[in-house]
């Protein structure tokens, strides 16, 4: 860090730190699971860095110094906000209608938000940070983000630094003011807990960062079936054990029949939304679609929600639907 920065040159400080903004935001997002909170914590990181600029001694890179500040800012945030994934009462089918309710072992992360792929390309210019690679799908997908929210904050930090970012145990221990033995112990416990909360076949998912032809085709069929209000076509796209959630709402439908039953009032009958408009996009390296509806007599479509799809073997196995407040992060209008 140059003398000008230590002396209080705000422009020099901004030039030095802004190049790291995107990767720090992804780091904070992994720690917190919330796009909005990640944005706030990056700002907090830069504010803390500015206040502590004179303390930087050059024993590590600026990047490592900023990661230390960002990680500790997230740990402080998590200490103030005791967030716990919650158990849900999951609606199930009973004699052809969603009337039965059973307490299934399902949990939801109500603060979970999607991350726009457009902010992942790349997280840092390769000529600036050659080791800051493109964000891999398996380290940013919603299933992974939801699973690591079950970890205690320091275990979460250790797992992200060691297994996601590839930091050595010694560097991780230095960042967290701990010992290598403590880091290795925390990592073992974090891995064991993570395995319990990831989908069973998760290791079989492709690790590519770009959408596959299969994903694009399934997404297009999903859009077309929704616009036609074709429940049979939608059912054919869903795997039998598919699930549908809507964080932060306590809504979780398990199984193809329960999902279709829950969608029916919005698709057919007097309460149906008959005029749909969709904009395909990408979130968390997964196919997604922004949904708009236009009511009778209305001239404009209004944002309804963002559906993020997980696709396996040509079928949809999970849909996570988010409220339209996230649309601006994707460069999407709330009406059109």
Protein backbone atom coordinates (compact mmCIF):
# COMPACT_ATOMS: atom_id res chain seq x y z
CA UNK A 1 0.00 0.00 0.00
CA UNK A 2 1.51 3.26 -1.11
CA UNK A 3 2.53 6.19 1.02
CA UNK A 4 -0.19 8.30 -0.60
CA UNK A 5 -2.86 5.92 0.71
CA UNK A 6 -1.41 5.90 4.21
CA UNK A 7 -1.29 9.68 4.09
CA UNK A 8 -5.02 9.85 3.39
CA UNK A 9 -5.26 10.11 -0.41
CA UNK A 10 -8.87 8.96 -0.96
CA UNK A 11 -8.47 8.61 -4.72
CA UNK A 12 -5.42 6.38 -4.40
CA UNK A 13 -7.22 4.30 -1.78
CA UNK A 14 -10.25 3.86 -4.03
CA UNK A 15 -8.09 2.80 -6.98
CA UNK A 16 -6.33 0.25 -4.80
CA UNK A 17 -9.43 -1.27 -3.20
CA UNK A 18 -12.15 -1.03 -5.86
CA UNK A 19 -10.47 -3.69 -8.01
CA UNK A 20 -11.30 -6.17 -5.26
CA UNK A 21 -14.95 -5.15 -4.80
CA UNK A 22 -16.58 -7.98 -6.75
CA UNK A 23 -14.66 -10.84 -5.23
CA UNK A 24 -15.11 -9.39 -1.74
CA UNK A 25 -18.84 -9.13 -2.37
CA UNK A 26 -18.95 -12.79 -3.41
CA UNK A 27 -16.98 -13.67 -0.27
CA UNK A 28 -19.40 -11.75 1.95
CA UNK A 29 -22.33 -13.29 0.07
CA UNK A 30 -21.06 -16.78 0.82
CA UNK A 31 -20.63 -15.86 4.46
CA UNK A 32 -24.10 -14.29 4.80
CA UNK A 33 -26.31 -15.82 2.08
CA UNK A 34 -27.87 -12.41 1.38
CA UNK A 35 -27.08 -10.24 -1.65
CA UNK A 36 -28.24 -7.08 0.12
CA UNK A 37 -26.20 -7.78 3.26
CA UNK A 38 -23.14 -8.62 1.15
CA UNK A 39 -23.32 -5.22 -0.53
CA UNK A 40 -23.54 -3.52 2.86
CA UNK A 41 -20.65 -5.52 4.29
CA UNK A 42 -18.36 -4.67 1.38
CA UNK A 43 -19.00 -1.01 2.11
CA UNK A 44 -18.28 -1.72 5.78
CA UNK A 45 -15.06 -3.48 4.74
CA UNK A 46 -13.83 -0.48 2.78
CA UNK A 47 -14.76 1.86 5.62
CA UNK A 48 -12.81 -0.25 8.11
CA UNK A 49 -9.88 -0.51 5.70
CA UNK A 50 -9.79 3.28 5.32
CA UNK A 51 -9.79 3.75 9.08
CA UNK A 52 -7.02 1.14 9.50
CA UNK A 53 -4.96 2.12 6.44
CA UNK A 54 -1.97 3.21 8.51
CA UNK A 55 -1.80 -0.21 10.18
CA UNK A 56 -1.08 -2.06 6.91
CA UNK A 57 2.54 -3.15 7.19
CA UNK A 58 2.93 -4.95 3.88
CA UNK A 59 3.50 -8.39 5.41
CA UNK A 60 0.62 -9.67 3.24
CA UNK A 61 -0.97 -8.60 -0.01
CA UNK A 62 -3.64 -5.90 -0.07
CA UNK A 63 -6.05 -8.61 -1.21
CA UNK A 64 -5.33 -10.79 1.84
CA UNK A 65 -5.59 -7.73 4.10
CA UNK A 66 -9.01 -6.87 2.69
CA UNK A 67 -10.20 -10.47 3.00
CA UNK A 68 -9.25 -10.41 6.66
CA UNK A 69 -11.22 -7.21 7.24
CA UNK A 70 -14.21 -8.50 5.23
CA UNK A 71 -14.28 -11.84 7.07
CA UNK A 72 -14.15 -10.17 10.47
CA UNK A 73 -16.85 -7.69 9.42
CA UNK A 74 -19.08 -10.64 8.46
CA UNK A 75 -18.32 -12.44 11.74
CA UNK A 76 -19.25 -9.29 13.66
CA UNK A 77 -22.49 -9.04 11.66
CA UNK A 78 -23.36 -12.67 12.38
CA UNK A 79 -22.68 -12.17 16.08
CA UNK A 80 -25.18 -9.30 16.11
CA UNK A 81 -27.75 -11.18 14.00
CA UNK A 82 -28.33 -14.68 15.34
CA UNK A 83 -29.79 -16.21 12.22
CA UNK A 84 -30.88 -19.82 12.31
CA UNK A 85 -32.40 -21.89 9.47
CA UNK A 86 -35.97 -22.73 10.45
CA UNK A 87 -37.92 -25.97 10.36
CA UNK A 88 -41.01 -25.88 8.20
CA UNK A 89 -44.39 -27.57 8.23
CA UNK A 90 -44.48 -28.81 4.66
CA UNK A 91 -47.82 -28.96 2.78
CA UNK A 92 -48.41 -32.38 1.25
CA UNK A 93 -51.14 -33.88 -0.89
CA UNK A 94 -54.09 -35.53 0.78
CA UNK A 95 -56.69 -37.12 -1.48
CA UNK A 96 -55.82 -34.84 -4.37
CA UNK A 97 -55.65 -31.51 -2.54
CA UNK A 98 -53.08 -29.67 -0.50
CA UNK A 99 -54.90 -30.17 2.77
CA UNK A 100 -52.71 -32.53 4.75
CA UNK A 101 -49.79 -31.05 6.71
CA UNK A 102 -46.85 -33.06 7.96
CA UNK A 103 -43.78 -31.86 9.84
CA UNK A 104 -41.13 -33.16 7.47
CA UNK A 105 -37.40 -32.72 8.23
CA UNK A 106 -37.05 -29.70 5.93
CA UNK A 107 -35.45 -26.39 6.78
CA UNK A 108 -35.45 -23.05 5.05
CA UNK A 109 -33.03 -20.13 5.03
CA UNK A 110 -35.42 -17.16 4.96
CA UNK A 111 -32.69 -14.56 4.37
CA UNK A 112 -31.33 -16.39 1.30
CA UNK A 113 -31.19 -14.24 -1.85
CA UNK A 114 -29.96 -15.00 -5.40
CA UNK A 115 -26.75 -13.59 -6.86
CA UNK A 116 -26.77 -12.24 -10.44
CA UNK A 117 -24.40 -14.06 -12.78
CA UNK A 118 -23.62 -10.76 -14.49
CA UNK A 119 -21.66 -9.79 -11.37
CA UNK A 120 -19.60 -12.99 -11.49
CA UNK A 121 -17.87 -12.37 -14.85
CA UNK A 122 -15.14 -12.23 -13.62
CA UNK A 123 -14.88 -11.30 -9.96
CA UNK A 124 -11.45 -9.79 -10.56
CA UNK A 125 -9.50 -8.93 -13.75
CA UNK A 126 -6.99 -11.74 -14.41
CA UNK A 127 -4.19 -9.23 -15.03
CA UNK A 128 -4.82 -7.78 -11.56
CA UNK A 129 -5.43 -10.96 -9.57
CA UNK A 130 -4.38 -14.07 -11.55
CA UNK A 131 -5.44 -16.33 -8.65
CA UNK A 132 -8.95 -14.87 -8.51
CA UNK A 133 -10.56 -17.37 -10.86
CA UNK A 134 -14.09 -17.35 -12.22
CA UNK A 135 -16.60 -18.35 -9.60
CA UNK A 136 -17.32 -22.05 -10.03
CA UNK A 137 -20.91 -23.27 -10.02
CA UNK A 138 -20.49 -25.64 -7.10
CA UNK A 139 -19.27 -22.83 -4.81
CA UNK A 140 -22.08 -20.35 -5.55
CA UNK A 141 -25.18 -22.44 -6.28
CA UNK A 142 -28.16 -21.92 -3.99
CA UNK A 143 -27.99 -25.44 -2.53
CA UNK A 144 -24.41 -24.82 -1.38
CA UNK A 145 -25.23 -21.34 -0.05
CA UNK A 146 -28.20 -22.69 1.92
CA UNK A 147 -26.16 -25.60 3.29
CA UNK A 148 -23.29 -23.51 4.64
CA UNK A 149 -25.73 -21.30 6.55
CA UNK A 150 -26.08 -24.25 8.93
CA UNK A 151 -22.44 -23.88 9.98
CA UNK A 152 -21.38 -21.79 12.97
CA UNK A 153 -19.86 -18.53 11.68
CA UNK A 154 -16.19 -19.35 12.30
CA UNK A 155 -16.54 -22.84 10.83
CA UNK A 156 -18.24 -21.24 7.83
CA UNK A 157 -15.32 -18.83 7.43
CA UNK A 158 -12.79 -21.66 7.67
CA UNK A 159 -14.60 -23.80 5.09
CA UNK A 160 -14.88 -20.90 2.63
CA UNK A 161 -11.27 -19.85 3.03
CA UNK A 162 -9.85 -23.39 2.87
CA UNK A 163 -12.14 -25.35 0.53
CA UNK A 164 -13.57 -22.59 -1.67
CA UNK A 165 -10.75 -20.08 -1.93
CA UNK A 166 -7.96 -22.61 -1.43
CA UNK A 167 -6.10 -20.73 1.29
CA UNK A 168 -3.41 -22.67 3.20
CA UNK A 169 -4.18 -23.54 6.80
CA UNK A 170 -1.43 -21.22 8.01
CA UNK A 171 -2.87 -18.21 6.17
CA UNK A 172 -6.38 -19.06 7.36
CA UNK A 173 -5.17 -19.31 10.95
CA UNK A 174 -3.43 -15.94 10.63
CA UNK A 175 -6.55 -14.30 9.20
CA UNK A 176 -8.73 -15.65 12.02
CA UNK A 177 -6.16 -15.08 14.78
CA UNK A 178 -6.14 -18.79 15.52
CA UNK A 179 -3.91 -21.84 15.29
CA UNK A 180 -3.44 -24.28 12.44
CA UNK A 181 -4.71 -27.09 14.69
CA UNK A 182 -7.89 -25.13 15.44
CA UNK A 183 -8.42 -24.39 11.74
CA UNK A 184 -7.99 -28.03 10.75
CA UNK A 185 -10.37 -29.16 13.48
CA UNK A 186 -12.99 -26.58 12.46
CA UNK A 187 -12.64 -27.63 8.82
CA UNK A 188 -13.30 -31.29 9.63
CA UNK A 189 -16.43 -30.43 11.61
CA UNK A 190 -17.64 -28.04 8.89
CA UNK A 191 -17.21 -30.64 6.15
CA UNK A 192 -19.17 -33.22 8.15
CA UNK A 193 -22.04 -30.80 8.80
CA UNK A 194 -22.07 -29.58 5.21
CA UNK A 195 -22.41 -33.12 3.90
CA UNK A 196 -25.58 -33.57 5.98
CA UNK A 197 -27.29 -30.58 4.38
CA UNK A 198 -26.30 -30.89 0.72
CA UNK A 199 -28.54 -32.83 -1.72
CA UNK A 200 -27.59 -36.49 -1.98
CA UNK A 201 -26.45 -36.40 -5.61
CA UNK A 202 -24.83 -33.00 -5.38
CA UNK A 203 -21.34 -34.25 -6.30
CA UNK A 204 -22.75 -35.50 -9.62
CA UNK A 205 -23.80 -32.01 -10.73
CA UNK A 206 -21.74 -30.45 -13.54
CA UNK A 207 -19.20 -27.85 -12.43
CA UNK A 208 -19.42 -25.68 -15.54
CA UNK A 209 -19.92 -21.92 -15.26
CA UNK A 210 -21.93 -21.59 -18.49
CA UNK A 211 -25.51 -22.82 -19.03
CA UNK A 212 -25.77 -26.13 -20.84
CA UNK A 213 -27.91 -26.64 -23.93
CA UNK A 214 -30.13 -28.90 -21.82
CA UNK A 215 -30.65 -26.18 -19.20
CA UNK A 216 -31.53 -23.60 -21.84
CA UNK A 217 -34.01 -25.97 -23.47
CA UNK A 218 -35.72 -26.87 -20.19
CA UNK A 219 -35.94 -23.22 -19.19
CA UNK A 220 -37.55 -22.34 -22.52
CA UNK A 221 -40.11 -25.13 -22.13
CA UNK A 222 -40.83 -23.95 -18.59
CA UNK A 223 -41.49 -20.42 -19.86
CA UNK A 224 -43.69 -21.58 -22.74
CA UNK A 225 -45.74 -23.92 -20.55
CA UNK A 226 -46.30 -21.16 -17.98
CA UNK A 227 -47.42 -18.67 -20.63
CA UNK A 228 -49.88 -21.26 -22.01
CA UNK A 229 -51.03 -22.15 -18.49
CA UNK A 230 -50.31 -25.74 -19.46
CA UNK A 231 -50.19 -27.61 -16.16
CA UNK A 232 -49.63 -30.96 -17.87
CA UNK A 233 -46.54 -29.63 -19.63
CA UNK A 234 -45.26 -28.12 -16.38
CA UNK A 235 -45.81 -31.43 -14.59
CA UNK A 236 -43.81 -33.22 -17.27
CA UNK A 237 -40.87 -30.89 -16.62
CA UNK A 238 -40.83 -31.58 -12.88
CA UNK A 239 -39.13 -34.59 -11.38
CA UNK A 240 -41.41 -36.57 -9.11
CA UNK A 241 -39.52 -35.49 -5.97
CA UNK A 242 -39.12 -31.83 -7.03
CA UNK A 243 -39.44 -29.07 -4.47
CA UNK A 244 -40.61 -25.46 -4.59
CA UNK A 245 -39.67 -22.79 -2.04
CA UNK A 246 -40.23 -19.04 -1.74
CA UNK A 247 -37.83 -17.42 0.75
CA UNK A 248 -38.40 -15.44 2.91
CA UNK A 249 -41.95 -16.82 3.00
CA UNK A 250 -42.37 -20.10 4.96
CA UNK A 251 -43.49 -21.88 1.80
CA UNK A 252 -42.15 -25.30 0.81
CA UNK A 253 -43.94 -27.74 -1.50
CA UNK A 254 -42.45 -31.20 -1.77
CA UNK A 255 -43.23 -33.40 -4.77
CA UNK A 256 -44.53 -32.80 -8.29
CA UNK A 257 -48.21 -33.23 -7.41
CA UNK A 258 -48.05 -30.80 -4.47
CA UNK A 259 -46.29 -28.18 -6.59
CA UNK A 260 -48.79 -28.40 -9.45
CA UNK A 261 -51.68 -28.27 -6.99
CA UNK A 262 -50.25 -25.12 -5.42
CA UNK A 263 -49.80 -23.46 -8.84
CA UNK A 264 -53.28 -24.29 -10.13
CA UNK A 265 -55.15 -21.21 -8.79
CA UNK A 266 -52.62 -18.91 -10.47
CA UNK A 267 -52.76 -20.79 -13.77
CA UNK A 268 -56.41 -21.68 -14.35
CA UNK A 269 -59.79 -20.52 -13.13
CA UNK A 270 -61.19 -17.13 -12.07
CA UNK A 271 -58.13 -16.16 -9.99
CA UNK A 272 -55.58 -17.04 -12.68
CA UNK A 273 -52.98 -14.62 -14.03
CA UNK A 274 -53.70 -14.97 -17.73
CA UNK A 275 -51.14 -12.60 -19.25
CA UNK A 276 -47.53 -13.53 -18.50
CA UNK A 277 -44.21 -12.13 -19.65
CA UNK A 278 -40.84 -13.74 -18.93
CA UNK A 279 -37.21 -12.61 -19.12
CA UNK A 280 -34.62 -15.43 -18.95
CA UNK A 281 -31.55 -14.67 -16.86
CA UNK A 282 -28.95 -16.45 -14.71
CA UNK A 283 -28.47 -16.57 -10.95
CA UNK A 284 -25.87 -18.48 -8.93
CA UNK A 285 -24.71 -20.23 -12.14
CA UNK A 286 -28.22 -21.62 -12.53
CA UNK A 287 -30.95 -20.91 -15.10
CA UNK A 288 -33.46 -18.35 -13.88
CA UNK A 289 -36.42 -16.43 -15.22
CA UNK A 290 -37.97 -13.14 -14.16
CA UNK A 291 -41.77 -13.44 -14.16
CA UNK A 292 -44.14 -10.57 -14.91
CA UNK A 293 -47.95 -10.57 -15.02
CA UNK A 294 -50.49 -8.10 -16.40
CA UNK A 295 -53.91 -7.87 -14.85
CA UNK A 296 -57.16 -7.17 -16.71
CA UNK A 297 -57.34 -3.61 -17.97
CA UNK A 298 -53.70 -2.91 -17.09
CA UNK A 299 -51.32 -1.51 -19.68
CA UNK A 300 -48.08 -2.67 -18.03
CA UNK A 301 -46.70 -5.91 -16.71
CA UNK A 302 -45.80 -5.97 -13.01
CA UNK A 303 -42.93 -7.97 -11.52
CA UNK A 304 -44.11 -11.15 -9.80
CA UNK A 305 -40.91 -12.94 -8.84
CA UNK A 306 -37.63 -14.51 -9.91
CA UNK A 307 -37.59 -18.30 -10.35
CA UNK A 308 -34.19 -19.99 -10.03
CA UNK A 309 -34.16 -23.56 -11.38
CA UNK A 310 -31.97 -26.54 -10.61
CA UNK A 311 -32.06 -29.03 -13.46
CA UNK A 312 -30.84 -32.63 -13.49
CA UNK A 313 -31.23 -35.10 -16.33
CA UNK A 314 -33.53 -32.84 -18.32
CA UNK A 315 -35.98 -32.31 -15.44
CA UNK A 316 -36.48 -29.56 -12.89
CA UNK A 317 -35.65 -30.82 -9.42
CA UNK A 318 -35.89 -27.55 -7.50
CA UNK A 319 -37.41 -24.10 -8.01
CA UNK A 320 -36.57 -21.29 -5.62
CA UNK A 321 -38.82 -18.28 -6.17
CA UNK A 322 -37.71 -14.88 -4.88
CA UNK A 323 -39.67 -11.69 -4.36
CA UNK A 324 -39.32 -8.98 -7.04
CA UNK A 325 -37.35 -6.66 -4.73
CA UNK A 326 -34.24 -8.45 -6.05
CA UNK A 327 -34.97 -7.43 -9.68
CA UNK A 328 -32.83 -4.23 -9.69
CA UNK A 329 -29.73 -6.28 -8.83
CA UNK A 330 -30.33 -8.18 -12.07
CA UNK A 331 -30.81 -5.00 -14.08
CA UNK A 332 -34.52 -5.77 -14.39
CA UNK A 333 -37.36 -3.24 -14.08
CA UNK A 334 -40.24 -3.73 -11.66
CA UNK A 335 -42.73 -3.01 -14.46
CA UNK A 336 -42.54 -3.05 -18.24
